[in-house]
Amino acid sequence: MAKEKIRKPSGLKSDGTPNVHWKRFKNRLIEYSNKPVSSWTSEEILGHILKRYREFSGNEFTLSYSGAPTKCSEIYCTNRMIHALGSENNAEVSKEYIDWVFDTVIIPQNISINSIAFFFTSNLIQKFKAEARKRRKLTRATQLPAYIEEVTKTLDINYIWRF
């Protein structure tokens, strides 16, 4: 009877612990919040997903540890999400989307996430984009941004609207 060889992911050492490259990668994922959101890359966005997952479930998300950390399936899924959102040059949109998914879908429905691929579901992305369009639409009741209110204060314009 032939012995079956147990295949371990390439990112793990023979004792089952992550190798040096994966340890550095995990440290970068943890320290993502030290960078401003405007300069986030796919690593920082993945770090934000993992942080929100940790806060929601109380557990760490299990990474694949296969291949190079920068080419792992989690980074691939994060890049797919970024491109599906059309936010390659705007990390704020990606952060807003992740927070929206957790706050409106995952937490209220108590959904168990098994893969980062959950975040590039086209149905979720379309709902997010539709809600974002509604939020950007200006109406009479729309609150002006703070910088516009500051400009009007410096101009000392007092209008009294009478109908």
Protein backbone atom coordinates (compact mmCIF):
# COMPACT_ATOMS: atom_id res chain seq x y z
CA MET A 1 0.00 0.00 0.00
CA ALA A 2 1.51 3.29 -1.11
CA LYS A 3 1.68 6.18 1.29
CA GLU A 4 -0.08 9.31 0.18
CA LYS A 5 2.05 12.37 0.45
CA ILE A 6 0.37 15.20 2.30
CA ARG A 7 0.56 18.35 0.23
CA LYS A 8 0.99 21.52 2.19
CA PRO A 9 0.49 25.02 0.81
CA SER A 10 3.76 26.51 -0.43
CA GLY A 11 3.51 29.42 2.00
CA LEU A 12 3.89 27.16 5.04
CA LYS A 13 7.03 25.70 6.52
CA SER A 14 7.29 22.00 7.31
CA ASP A 15 6.11 22.64 10.88
CA GLY A 16 2.91 24.29 9.59
CA THR A 17 3.79 27.90 10.38
CA PRO A 18 3.84 30.63 7.72
CA ASN A 19 7.15 31.25 5.99
CA VAL A 20 8.98 34.59 6.18
CA HIS A 21 7.27 36.08 3.11
CA TRP A 22 3.79 35.29 4.42
CA LYS A 23 4.66 36.65 7.89
CA ARG A 24 5.75 39.96 6.33
CA PHE A 25 2.62 40.00 4.19
CA LYS A 26 0.37 39.44 7.22
CA ASN A 27 2.17 42.24 9.08
CA ARG A 28 1.56 44.59 6.15
CA LEU A 29 -2.12 43.60 6.16
CA ILE A 30 -2.38 44.42 9.87
CA GLU A 31 -0.60 47.77 9.55
CA TYR A 32 -2.69 48.99 6.60
CA SER A 33 -4.44 51.68 8.65
CA ASN A 34 -1.19 53.65 9.01
CA LYS A 35 -1.52 54.80 5.38
CA PRO A 36 -4.04 57.38 4.19
CA VAL A 37 -6.96 55.82 2.30
CA SER A 38 -6.10 57.75 -0.85
CA SER A 39 -2.83 55.82 -1.20
CA TRP A 40 -4.20 52.34 -0.52
CA THR A 41 -3.30 49.48 -2.83
CA SER A 42 -4.97 46.08 -3.08
CA GLU A 43 -2.99 44.93 -0.02
CA GLU A 44 -4.40 47.67 2.19
CA ILE A 45 -7.90 47.07 0.84
CA LEU A 46 -7.53 43.36 1.67
CA GLY A 47 -6.28 44.37 5.12
CA HIS A 48 -9.46 46.43 5.61
CA ILE A 49 -11.63 43.47 4.58
CA LEU A 50 -9.80 41.22 7.03
CA LYS A 51 -10.13 43.80 9.84
CA ARG A 52 -13.88 44.15 9.28
CA TYR A 53 -14.19 40.34 9.14
CA ARG A 54 -12.28 40.03 12.43
CA GLU A 55 -14.55 42.63 14.08
CA PHE A 56 -17.68 40.89 12.77
CA SER A 57 -16.85 37.26 13.48
CA GLY A 58 -14.34 37.53 16.30
CA ASN A 59 -12.00 35.22 14.34
CA GLU A 60 -9.19 35.67 11.87
CA PHE A 61 -9.96 34.97 8.22
CA THR A 62 -8.06 31.89 7.02
CA LEU A 63 -5.68 32.81 4.24
CA SER A 64 -4.76 30.32 1.50
CA TYR A 65 -0.95 30.41 2.02
CA SER A 66 -0.50 29.17 -1.54
CA GLY A 67 2.08 30.69 -3.83
CA ALA A 68 3.60 34.10 -3.39
CA PRO A 69 1.64 36.32 -0.98
CA THR A 70 1.26 39.11 -3.54
CA LYS A 71 -0.22 36.63 -6.03
CA CYS A 72 -2.46 34.68 -3.66
CA SER A 73 -6.15 34.08 -4.32
CA GLU A 74 -7.16 36.74 -1.78
CA ILE A 75 -5.23 39.45 -3.64
CA TYR A 76 -6.69 38.17 -6.91
CA CYS A 77 -10.23 38.46 -5.52
CA THR A 78 -9.50 41.92 -4.13
CA ASN A 79 -8.20 43.06 -7.52
CA ARG A 80 -11.31 41.65 -9.24
CA MET A 81 -13.50 43.60 -6.79
CA ILE A 82 -11.53 46.82 -7.42
CA HIS A 83 -11.85 46.46 -11.19
CA ALA A 84 -15.54 45.51 -11.02
CA LEU A 85 -16.16 48.67 -8.98
CA GLY A 86 -14.14 50.74 -11.43
CA SER A 87 -12.16 52.16 -8.53
CA GLU A 88 -8.62 51.44 -9.73
CA ASN A 89 -7.62 55.04 -9.03
CA ASN A 90 -9.93 55.72 -6.10
CA ALA A 91 -9.37 53.60 -3.00
CA GLU A 92 -12.03 55.60 -1.11
CA VAL A 93 -14.71 53.93 -3.25
CA SER A 94 -13.34 50.49 -2.44
CA LYS A 95 -13.30 51.27 1.29
CA GLU A 96 -16.81 52.69 1.10
CA TYR A 97 -17.98 49.55 -0.74
CA ILE A 98 -16.42 47.18 1.82
CA ASP A 99 -18.01 49.11 4.69
CA TRP A 100 -21.35 49.14 2.85
CA VAL A 101 -21.24 45.37 2.26
CA PHE A 102 -20.50 44.68 5.92
CA ASP A 103 -23.00 47.23 7.27
CA THR A 104 -25.93 46.49 4.96
CA VAL A 105 -25.49 42.86 3.91
CA ILE A 106 -23.16 40.75 6.04
CA ILE A 107 -23.89 41.99 9.57
CA PRO A 108 -27.71 42.36 9.30
CA GLN A 109 -28.11 38.97 7.59
CA ASN A 110 -25.37 37.28 9.67
CA ILE A 111 -23.72 35.88 6.53
CA SER A 112 -20.76 33.55 6.86
CA ILE A 113 -17.96 34.47 4.47
CA ASN A 114 -15.84 31.61 3.14
CA SER A 115 -14.01 33.51 0.43
CA ILE A 116 -13.00 37.04 -0.44
CA ALA A 117 -14.75 36.33 -3.76
CA PHE A 118 -17.99 37.27 -1.97
CA PHE A 119 -16.99 40.92 -2.46
CA PHE A 120 -16.88 40.86 -6.26
CA THR A 121 -20.39 39.48 -6.64
CA SER A 122 -21.86 41.51 -9.51
CA ASN A 123 -25.28 41.78 -7.84
CA LEU A 124 -23.76 43.44 -4.75
CA ILE A 125 -21.64 45.77 -6.84
CA GLN A 126 -24.66 46.86 -8.90
CA LYS A 127 -26.72 47.57 -5.74
CA PHE A 128 -23.86 49.61 -4.28
CA LYS A 129 -23.45 51.64 -7.47
CA ALA A 130 -27.21 52.31 -7.61
CA GLU A 131 -27.23 53.56 -4.01
CA ALA A 132 -24.13 55.67 -4.65
CA ARG A 133 -25.87 57.33 -7.62
CA LYS A 134 -28.85 58.15 -5.40
CA ARG A 135 -26.57 59.66 -2.73
CA ARG A 136 -24.79 61.85 -5.28
CA LYS A 137 -27.98 63.25 -6.77
CA LEU A 138 -28.54 66.84 -5.66
CA THR A 139 -31.97 67.88 -4.45
CA ARG A 140 -33.29 70.82 -2.47
CA ALA A 141 -32.92 68.79 0.69
CA THR A 142 -29.31 67.75 0.01
CA GLN A 143 -26.90 68.87 2.72
CA LEU A 144 -24.15 70.97 1.20
CA PRO A 145 -20.58 69.76 1.70
CA ALA A 146 -18.69 71.44 4.53
CA TYR A 147 -16.25 73.20 2.22
CA ILE A 148 -19.11 74.92 0.35
CA GLU A 149 -20.72 76.02 3.61
CA GLU A 150 -17.36 77.50 4.69
CA VAL A 151 -17.10 79.45 1.43
CA THR A 152 -20.58 80.92 1.90
CA LYS A 153 -19.68 81.96 5.46
CA THR A 154 -16.55 83.76 4.28
CA LEU A 155 -18.57 85.60 1.62
CA ASP A 156 -21.01 86.75 4.30
CA ILE A 157 -24.04 86.19 2.09
CA ASN A 158 -27.37 86.24 3.87
CA TYR A 159 -30.31 85.35 1.73
CA ILE A 160 -33.82 85.26 2.99
CA TRP A 161 -35.98 83.14 0.79
CA ARG A 162 -39.58 84.22 0.55
CA PHE A 163 -42.22 82.37 -1.36
